[in-house]
Each structure stands twice: as C-alpha cells, then as structure tokens.
Amino acid sequence: MSEEYGLVEETAGAPGDEFEEIDVRDTEADRIARRRDREFAEFRKRLKDADQFKVTDGAFDDATYAAVYKLVQDGHVGALGGPISTGKEANVYEALDPDGGDVAVKIYRINASNFQQMREYLEGDPRFEGIRGDKKAVVLSWTRKEFSNLQRAAEAGVRVPHPIAVQRNVLVMELIGREGDWAPTLADVNVENPQTAFEVVREYMRRLHDAGLVHGDLSEYNLVVYDGELVVIDVGQAVTVHHSNHDEFLRRDCRNVANFFARQGADADPDDLYEYVTSNADPHSETDSGDPRTTDGEADGGDE
C-alpha cells in the first residue's frame, strides 16, 4: 500500500484539563431507563430484536439501550448498522447520522470481563481520583475518558477519529472509512513507505506527549490507514503524564512502534524513539495553561 502519510496540522490551545472532574452519577439515560416510557420501550424492543444487537451475556442493559435512544433523540445517530468489531470490552457499530453521514458507535460493556485491567489506567490518573471500584463506575469513567482523550489528541494535531458525542457507556465518533469499507490496521497492510510512516507516528507520539498524554497501548493494531492518512485509534486507556506509570507505558509504546517499523525496514530504535518523544515535547505545556482543574467542557450529548 503506497501512501503519503501526511501529518494533520496542530491547532492552537494548550492542554491543562488533566485534572478535569468527570461525573459518573446517574445520567439522563439511567433516568430514561427507569421511567420506561412507551416510546422508549418500543425503541428498546426494536433494537434488541435487531440481529446486530442480539444481547449476549447481558452485555447491554436497559440503561445502555436508553443511552443509544438519547443519542438518537439528540440528533447524533440516525440509523444503526452492523458491527465493525466486537471485543471483551466493547462493540463498535457502523451507523448513520441524521444527515446520512457515516459515524461509528462504540458501546462499552458494563460487565466488561477485564474491567480490573481498566483500573490500572484509571488509578493514578488525577482526572479519576476517588472513583469507586464497581464495574459501572469504572466503565462509565472509561467511556468519558476516551471522549476526553480524543478531544485532546485532536487539538494537539494527532489524527484520531473525531469525537461527536458521549452518553453513559456509548461513544459516537467519526467512522474512519465508509460503510462496508473500514480502514485496515497497519498490521493488515503492506507498508510500502515504512520510514515515512514511522516518522509520522513518531511525530504523533511527540504531539501526544506535548499535550500531556501517553497512548499506553500503541502498536500496529491501534494504527489504521485510510485515504493516505495514518489514524491513531483506541485511546481509551491513554493516561496523562501525571499518571504514576506513564513512563513505563511510554517506553512500552516506543518498543512496540519501533520494533514493528524496524521489521518493515525503517530505521527505528525504541531508545531513540523515546528520546525523540521526550526531548522534543514542550516541558512547559502542562503548566502554562492556567488553572489545571478546569473541566474539558460539556460534550455534545453528554450526560451531565
């Protein structure tokens, strides 16, 4: 696959929301589920009966259906399609917005089997101090965290799926690709320009670090390519540089990325990549943006 791998432009604005408070109390979706109005009950039945939304292991509770319902009512989702991917933590579905544009709907499972692993990325992140330990609180926090991380990464000039709306454990974002033609991961393509691609990913890692974020699970499986662009996906686990394990996570990202591109023929070394990311990030970017305890703003379709 021959691609240019062009970088997106950075946008103005410094980070500083690493201490934002994320409210995981009962949401509007939870209240809708309790009210069980007739319109919602009919919507829920249609959704549950659809083949692509067959419930297994109680993954989607009533409040999850209510969250999808709220996103439809708020004009973020017009029609739901089939699954793009399924996993232990979440399912991703293709969907259309009310204008017929392609979007992706990511639904995290409240009963995620590895939610304890999620806690590794939440505990130590100042944005989630005091989060209680039950599955619901962890998964709701994780969903809001991914939305916030997507916003911050995009503002830093990293090409990620554009975040559109979040409601409880449901995230709506840009679909990378088109209906039935989703972007492949780097692991699934022949990288014909590995040096150029490596340099783009290296710059994205630097920009993330400059914005105070470490991806934490970056590899050829969390990088997709579409229409000449490299796109970073699955940023739910990304932590701020204030997380106690952020350096360990960054070094792991550097090993994964450098080793992959070295196998493709690029001049890539884990230690050199780590040095580039940390030495070229602005050490003052985290402290020059005023009060660090400001919120990240109300998300469209948010659950406050």
Protein backbone atom coordinates (compact mmCIF):
# COMPACT_ATOMS: atom_id res chain seq x y z
CA MET A 1 0.00 0.00 0.00
CA SER A 2 1.60 3.26 -1.14
CA GLU A 3 0.53 6.24 0.97
CA GLU A 4 1.80 9.75 1.70
CA TYR A 5 1.02 9.52 5.43
CA GLY A 6 0.64 13.28 5.68
CA LEU A 7 0.53 14.91 9.10
CA VAL A 8 -2.52 16.87 10.14
CA GLU A 9 -1.98 20.40 11.35
CA GLU A 10 -1.73 21.24 15.03
CA THR A 11 -4.39 23.58 16.39
CA ALA A 12 -3.94 26.38 18.86
CA GLY A 13 -4.66 25.82 22.51
CA ALA A 14 -2.65 24.44 25.38
CA PRO A 15 -3.61 21.43 27.47
CA GLY A 16 -4.43 21.67 31.12
CA ASP A 17 -7.57 19.62 31.69
CA GLU A 18 -5.72 16.65 33.12
CA PHE A 19 -7.49 17.22 36.44
CA GLU A 20 -10.97 17.58 34.97
CA GLU A 21 -13.72 16.14 37.12
CA ILE A 22 -15.84 13.51 35.41
CA ASP A 23 -19.27 12.92 36.91
CA VAL A 24 -20.46 9.32 36.82
CA ARG A 25 -23.62 9.74 38.83
CA ASP A 26 -26.97 8.63 37.40
CA THR A 27 -27.33 10.07 33.92
CA GLU A 28 -30.27 11.06 31.80
CA ALA A 29 -30.01 7.63 30.18
CA ASP A 30 -30.42 5.99 33.59
CA ARG A 31 -33.47 8.15 34.31
CA ILE A 32 -34.99 7.31 30.93
CA ALA A 33 -34.49 3.61 31.63
CA ARG A 34 -36.29 3.93 34.95
CA ARG A 35 -39.19 5.86 33.52
CA ARG A 36 -39.77 3.20 30.89
CA ASP A 37 -42.00 5.45 28.80
CA ARG A 38 -43.84 3.79 25.95
CA GLU A 39 -41.75 5.35 23.21
CA PHE A 40 -38.52 4.12 24.78
CA ALA A 41 -39.95 0.67 25.42
CA GLU A 42 -40.83 0.35 21.73
CA PHE A 43 -37.39 1.61 20.69
CA ARG A 44 -35.70 -0.82 23.06
CA LYS A 45 -37.69 -3.75 21.67
CA ARG A 46 -36.77 -2.88 18.08
CA LEU A 47 -33.11 -2.58 18.99
CA LYS A 48 -33.00 -5.79 20.99
CA ASP A 49 -34.73 -7.71 18.19
CA ALA A 50 -32.30 -6.48 15.54
CA ASP A 51 -29.80 -9.18 14.58
CA GLN A 52 -26.77 -6.93 15.00
CA PHE A 53 -27.78 -6.10 18.58
CA LYS A 54 -28.58 -9.55 19.92
CA VAL A 55 -27.64 -9.43 23.58
CA THR A 56 -25.14 -11.95 24.86
CA ASP A 57 -24.20 -12.40 28.49
CA GLY A 58 -26.30 -9.40 29.46
CA ALA A 59 -23.77 -7.07 27.86
CA PHE A 60 -26.28 -4.33 27.07
CA ASP A 61 -28.50 -3.38 30.00
CA ASP A 62 -31.62 -1.24 29.83
CA ALA A 63 -29.66 1.94 30.52
CA THR A 64 -27.38 1.18 27.56
CA TYR A 65 -30.37 1.00 25.25
CA ALA A 66 -31.58 4.22 26.83
CA ALA A 67 -28.21 5.83 26.12
CA VAL A 68 -28.50 4.92 22.42
CA TYR A 69 -32.08 6.22 22.48
CA LYS A 70 -30.91 9.53 23.96
CA LEU A 71 -28.23 9.89 21.28
CA VAL A 72 -30.86 9.28 18.60
CA GLN A 73 -33.20 11.82 20.20
CA ASP A 74 -30.38 14.37 20.42
CA GLY A 75 -29.68 14.03 16.69
CA HIS A 76 -26.29 12.34 16.85
CA VAL A 77 -27.42 8.97 15.44
CA GLY A 78 -29.98 8.38 12.73
CA ALA A 79 -29.68 4.69 11.93
CA LEU A 80 -27.63 1.83 13.33
CA GLY A 81 -25.86 -0.76 11.22
CA GLY A 82 -23.84 -3.89 11.72
CA PRO A 83 -20.78 -4.48 13.88
CA ILE A 84 -17.35 -3.30 12.81
CA SER A 85 -15.61 -5.06 15.67
CA THR A 86 -16.54 -6.97 18.80
CA GLY A 87 -14.44 -7.48 21.89
CA LYS A 88 -14.48 -8.23 25.57
CA GLU A 89 -14.64 -4.54 26.48
CA ALA A 90 -16.74 -3.02 23.72
CA ASN A 91 -18.51 -3.47 20.40
CA VAL A 92 -18.17 -0.92 17.60
CA TYR A 93 -21.03 -0.49 15.11
CA GLU A 94 -21.30 1.43 11.90
CA ALA A 95 -24.12 3.97 11.90
CA LEU A 96 -25.51 6.97 10.05
CA ASP A 97 -26.07 10.42 11.44
CA PRO A 98 -29.43 12.12 10.72
CA ASP A 99 -27.97 13.60 7.51
CA GLY A 100 -26.85 10.21 6.22
CA GLY A 101 -23.17 10.63 7.05
CA ASP A 102 -21.13 7.68 8.31
CA VAL A 103 -20.33 7.52 12.03
CA ALA A 104 -19.16 4.84 14.44
CA VAL A 105 -20.93 3.92 17.69
CA LYS A 106 -18.77 2.31 20.37
CA ILE A 107 -20.66 0.60 23.17
CA TYR A 108 -18.69 -0.44 26.22
CA ARG A 109 -19.91 -3.46 28.14
CA ILE A 110 -20.90 -2.70 31.71
CA ASN A 111 -19.92 -6.26 32.68
CA ALA A 112 -16.53 -5.99 30.96
CA SER A 113 -14.58 -9.08 31.96
CA ASN A 114 -11.28 -7.21 32.25
CA PHE A 115 -12.51 -4.06 33.98
CA GLN A 116 -9.81 -4.63 36.60
CA GLN A 117 -7.25 -4.00 33.85
CA MET A 118 -9.10 -0.76 33.09
CA ARG A 119 -8.45 0.31 36.66
CA GLU A 120 -4.68 0.15 36.00
CA TYR A 121 -5.10 3.08 33.62
CA LEU A 122 -7.61 4.95 35.79
CA GLU A 123 -5.88 4.67 39.15
CA GLY A 124 -3.07 7.21 39.29
CA ASP A 125 -4.74 9.45 36.70
CA PRO A 126 -5.67 12.67 38.59
CA ARG A 127 -8.81 13.02 36.47
CA PHE A 128 -10.26 9.95 38.22
CA GLU A 129 -9.19 10.34 41.82
CA GLY A 130 -11.80 8.92 44.15
CA ILE A 131 -13.54 6.82 41.50
CA ARG A 132 -15.33 3.98 43.20
CA GLY A 133 -14.50 0.41 42.31
CA ASP A 134 -17.71 -1.08 40.92
CA LYS A 135 -17.90 -2.05 37.26
CA LYS A 136 -20.45 0.58 36.30
CA ALA A 137 -18.36 3.46 37.66
CA VAL A 138 -15.20 2.17 36.01
CA VAL A 139 -16.81 1.64 32.58
CA LEU A 140 -18.63 4.98 32.60
CA SER A 141 -15.40 6.73 33.58
CA TRP A 142 -13.53 4.88 30.84
CA THR A 143 -16.03 5.97 28.18
CA ARG A 144 -15.82 9.61 29.23
CA LYS A 145 -12.04 9.27 29.38
CA GLU A 146 -11.87 8.08 25.77
CA PHE A 147 -14.03 11.01 24.64
CA SER A 148 -11.78 13.45 26.53
CA ASN A 149 -8.61 11.83 25.18
CA LEU A 150 -9.91 12.02 21.60
CA GLN A 151 -10.63 15.72 22.07
CA ARG A 152 -7.19 16.45 23.47
CA ALA A 153 -5.36 14.38 20.86
CA ALA A 154 -7.21 16.12 18.02
CA GLU A 155 -6.41 19.55 19.47
CA ALA A 156 -2.74 18.53 19.59
CA GLY A 157 -2.73 17.77 15.86
CA VAL A 158 -2.92 13.98 16.14
CA ARG A 159 -5.18 12.33 13.56
CA VAL A 160 -7.78 10.44 15.56
CA PRO A 161 -11.47 9.71 14.97
CA HIS A 162 -13.34 12.96 15.61
CA PRO A 163 -15.38 12.60 18.83
CA ILE A 164 -19.03 13.54 18.34
CA ALA A 165 -20.99 12.70 21.47
CA VAL A 166 -20.91 10.57 24.59
CA GLN A 167 -23.76 9.25 26.70
CA ARG A 168 -23.17 6.89 29.60
CA ASN A 169 -21.21 3.91 28.12
CA VAL A 170 -21.86 4.84 24.46
CA LEU A 171 -19.46 6.90 22.36
CA VAL A 172 -20.25 8.33 18.92
CA MET A 173 -17.30 9.26 16.74
CA GLU A 174 -16.15 9.63 13.16
CA LEU A 175 -16.07 6.42 11.15
CA ILE A 176 -12.62 6.04 9.61
CA GLY A 177 -13.58 4.74 6.19
CA ARG A 178 -17.01 4.28 4.71
CA GLU A 179 -19.87 1.86 5.23
CA GLY A 180 -18.57 -1.58 4.36
CA ASP A 181 -15.09 -0.18 3.65
CA TRP A 182 -13.44 0.31 7.03
CA ALA A 183 -9.84 1.34 7.44
CA PRO A 184 -7.39 -1.56 7.87
CA THR A 185 -4.79 -1.61 10.62
CA LEU A 186 -1.12 -1.32 9.80
CA ALA A 187 -0.81 -4.98 10.74
CA ASP A 188 -3.11 -5.84 7.83
CA VAL A 189 -1.45 -3.88 5.01
CA ASN A 190 1.81 -3.89 3.10
CA VAL A 191 3.59 -0.75 4.30
CA GLU A 192 5.48 0.40 1.20
CA ASN A 193 6.91 3.57 2.77
CA PRO A 194 7.83 2.37 6.29
CA GLN A 195 10.30 5.18 7.04
CA THR A 196 7.78 7.89 6.20
CA ALA A 197 5.05 6.12 8.13
CA PHE A 198 7.35 5.70 11.15
CA GLU A 199 8.21 9.39 11.14
CA VAL A 200 4.52 10.32 11.10
CA VAL A 201 3.77 8.01 14.04
CA ARG A 202 6.84 9.32 15.85
CA GLU A 203 5.56 12.87 15.46
CA TYR A 204 2.10 11.87 16.67
CA MET A 205 3.65 10.33 19.78
CA ARG A 206 5.58 13.55 20.38
CA ARG A 207 2.46 15.67 19.95
CA LEU A 208 0.55 13.45 22.36
CA HIS A 209 3.31 13.77 24.92
CA ASP A 210 3.46 17.50 24.33
CA ALA A 211 -0.26 17.60 25.13
CA GLY A 212 0.36 15.64 28.31
CA LEU A 213 -0.85 12.23 27.08
CA VAL A 214 0.68 8.78 26.63
CA HIS A 215 -1.32 6.33 24.49
CA GLY A 216 -0.41 3.32 26.62
CA ASP A 217 -1.25 0.63 24.05
CA LEU A 218 0.17 1.91 20.79
CA SER A 219 1.10 -0.68 18.19
CA GLU A 220 0.39 -1.66 14.59
CA TYR A 221 -3.02 -2.85 15.79
CA ASN A 222 -4.09 0.59 17.03
CA LEU A 223 -2.98 2.45 13.92
CA VAL A 224 -5.16 2.41 10.81
CA VAL A 225 -4.58 3.85 7.35
CA TYR A 226 -7.21 5.32 5.07
CA ASP A 227 -7.06 7.75 2.12
CA GLY A 228 -3.38 8.45 2.66
CA GLU A 229 -3.68 9.18 6.38
CA LEU A 230 -2.44 7.31 9.42
CA VAL A 231 -5.01 7.43 12.20
CA VAL A 232 -4.49 6.61 15.88
CA ILE A 233 -7.41 4.68 17.40
CA ASP A 234 -8.42 3.18 20.75
CA VAL A 235 -7.28 5.96 23.05
CA GLY A 236 -9.47 4.98 25.99
CA GLN A 237 -6.50 3.77 28.01
CA ALA A 238 -4.35 6.86 27.32
CA VAL A 239 -3.11 8.48 30.53
CA THR A 240 -1.73 11.89 31.41
CA VAL A 241 1.93 12.40 32.15
CA HIS A 242 0.91 12.75 35.80
CA HIS A 243 -0.02 9.06 35.96
CA SER A 244 2.42 7.13 38.12
CA ASN A 245 3.05 4.58 35.33
CA HIS A 246 3.12 6.97 32.38
CA ASP A 247 6.85 6.47 31.70
CA GLU A 248 6.50 2.68 31.72
CA PHE A 249 3.57 2.96 29.30
CA LEU A 250 5.51 5.32 27.02
CA ARG A 251 8.55 3.03 26.91
CA ARG A 252 6.27 0.12 26.00
CA ASP A 253 4.68 2.17 23.21
CA CYS A 254 8.15 3.02 21.91
CA ARG A 255 9.17 -0.63 21.87
CA ASN A 256 6.01 -1.72 20.07
CA VAL A 257 6.15 1.03 17.44
CA ALA A 258 9.90 0.93 16.78
CA ASN A 259 10.07 -2.86 16.61
CA PHE A 260 7.17 -3.01 14.14
CA PHE A 261 8.65 -0.43 11.78
CA ALA A 262 12.13 -1.91 12.08
CA ARG A 263 10.69 -5.21 10.85
CA GLN A 264 9.27 -3.27 7.89
CA GLY A 265 12.72 -1.92 7.04
CA ALA A 266 12.61 1.51 8.70
CA ASP A 267 15.47 2.96 10.73
CA ALA A 268 13.67 2.73 14.06
CA ASP A 269 15.03 2.10 17.54
CA PRO A 270 12.99 2.06 20.80
CA ASP A 271 15.50 4.10 22.82
CA ASP A 272 15.93 6.68 20.06
CA LEU A 273 12.16 6.98 19.72
CA TYR A 274 11.76 7.51 23.46
CA GLU A 275 14.47 10.18 23.40
CA TYR A 276 12.81 11.94 20.45
CA VAL A 277 9.35 11.94 22.06
CA THR A 278 10.51 13.18 25.45
CA SER A 279 13.22 15.60 24.34
CA ASN A 280 11.12 17.39 21.72
CA ALA A 281 7.96 17.79 23.77
CA ASP A 282 7.42 21.19 25.38
CA PRO A 283 8.16 20.73 29.10
CA HIS A 284 6.11 23.84 29.94
CA SER A 285 2.97 22.95 28.00
CA GLU A 286 1.37 21.33 31.05
CA THR A 287 1.87 24.31 33.34
CA ASP A 288 1.23 27.39 31.19
CA SER A 289 -2.48 26.97 30.63
CA GLY A 290 -3.84 28.42 33.85
CA ASP A 291 -5.90 26.55 36.40
CA PRO A 292 -5.33 22.83 35.81
CA ARG A 293 -8.58 21.87 37.50
CA THR A 294 -10.81 23.22 34.74
CA THR A 295 -13.21 20.87 33.00
CA ASP A 296 -12.99 19.83 29.38
CA GLY A 297 -16.29 21.44 28.53
CA GLU A 298 -19.66 19.84 28.12
CA ALA A 299 -19.65 17.17 25.46
CA ASP A 300 -22.40 17.14 22.86
CA GLY A 301 -24.91 14.62 24.03
CA GLY A 302 -23.08 14.49 27.37
CA ASP A 303 -24.56 13.01 30.49
CA GLU A 304 -24.24 15.85 32.98
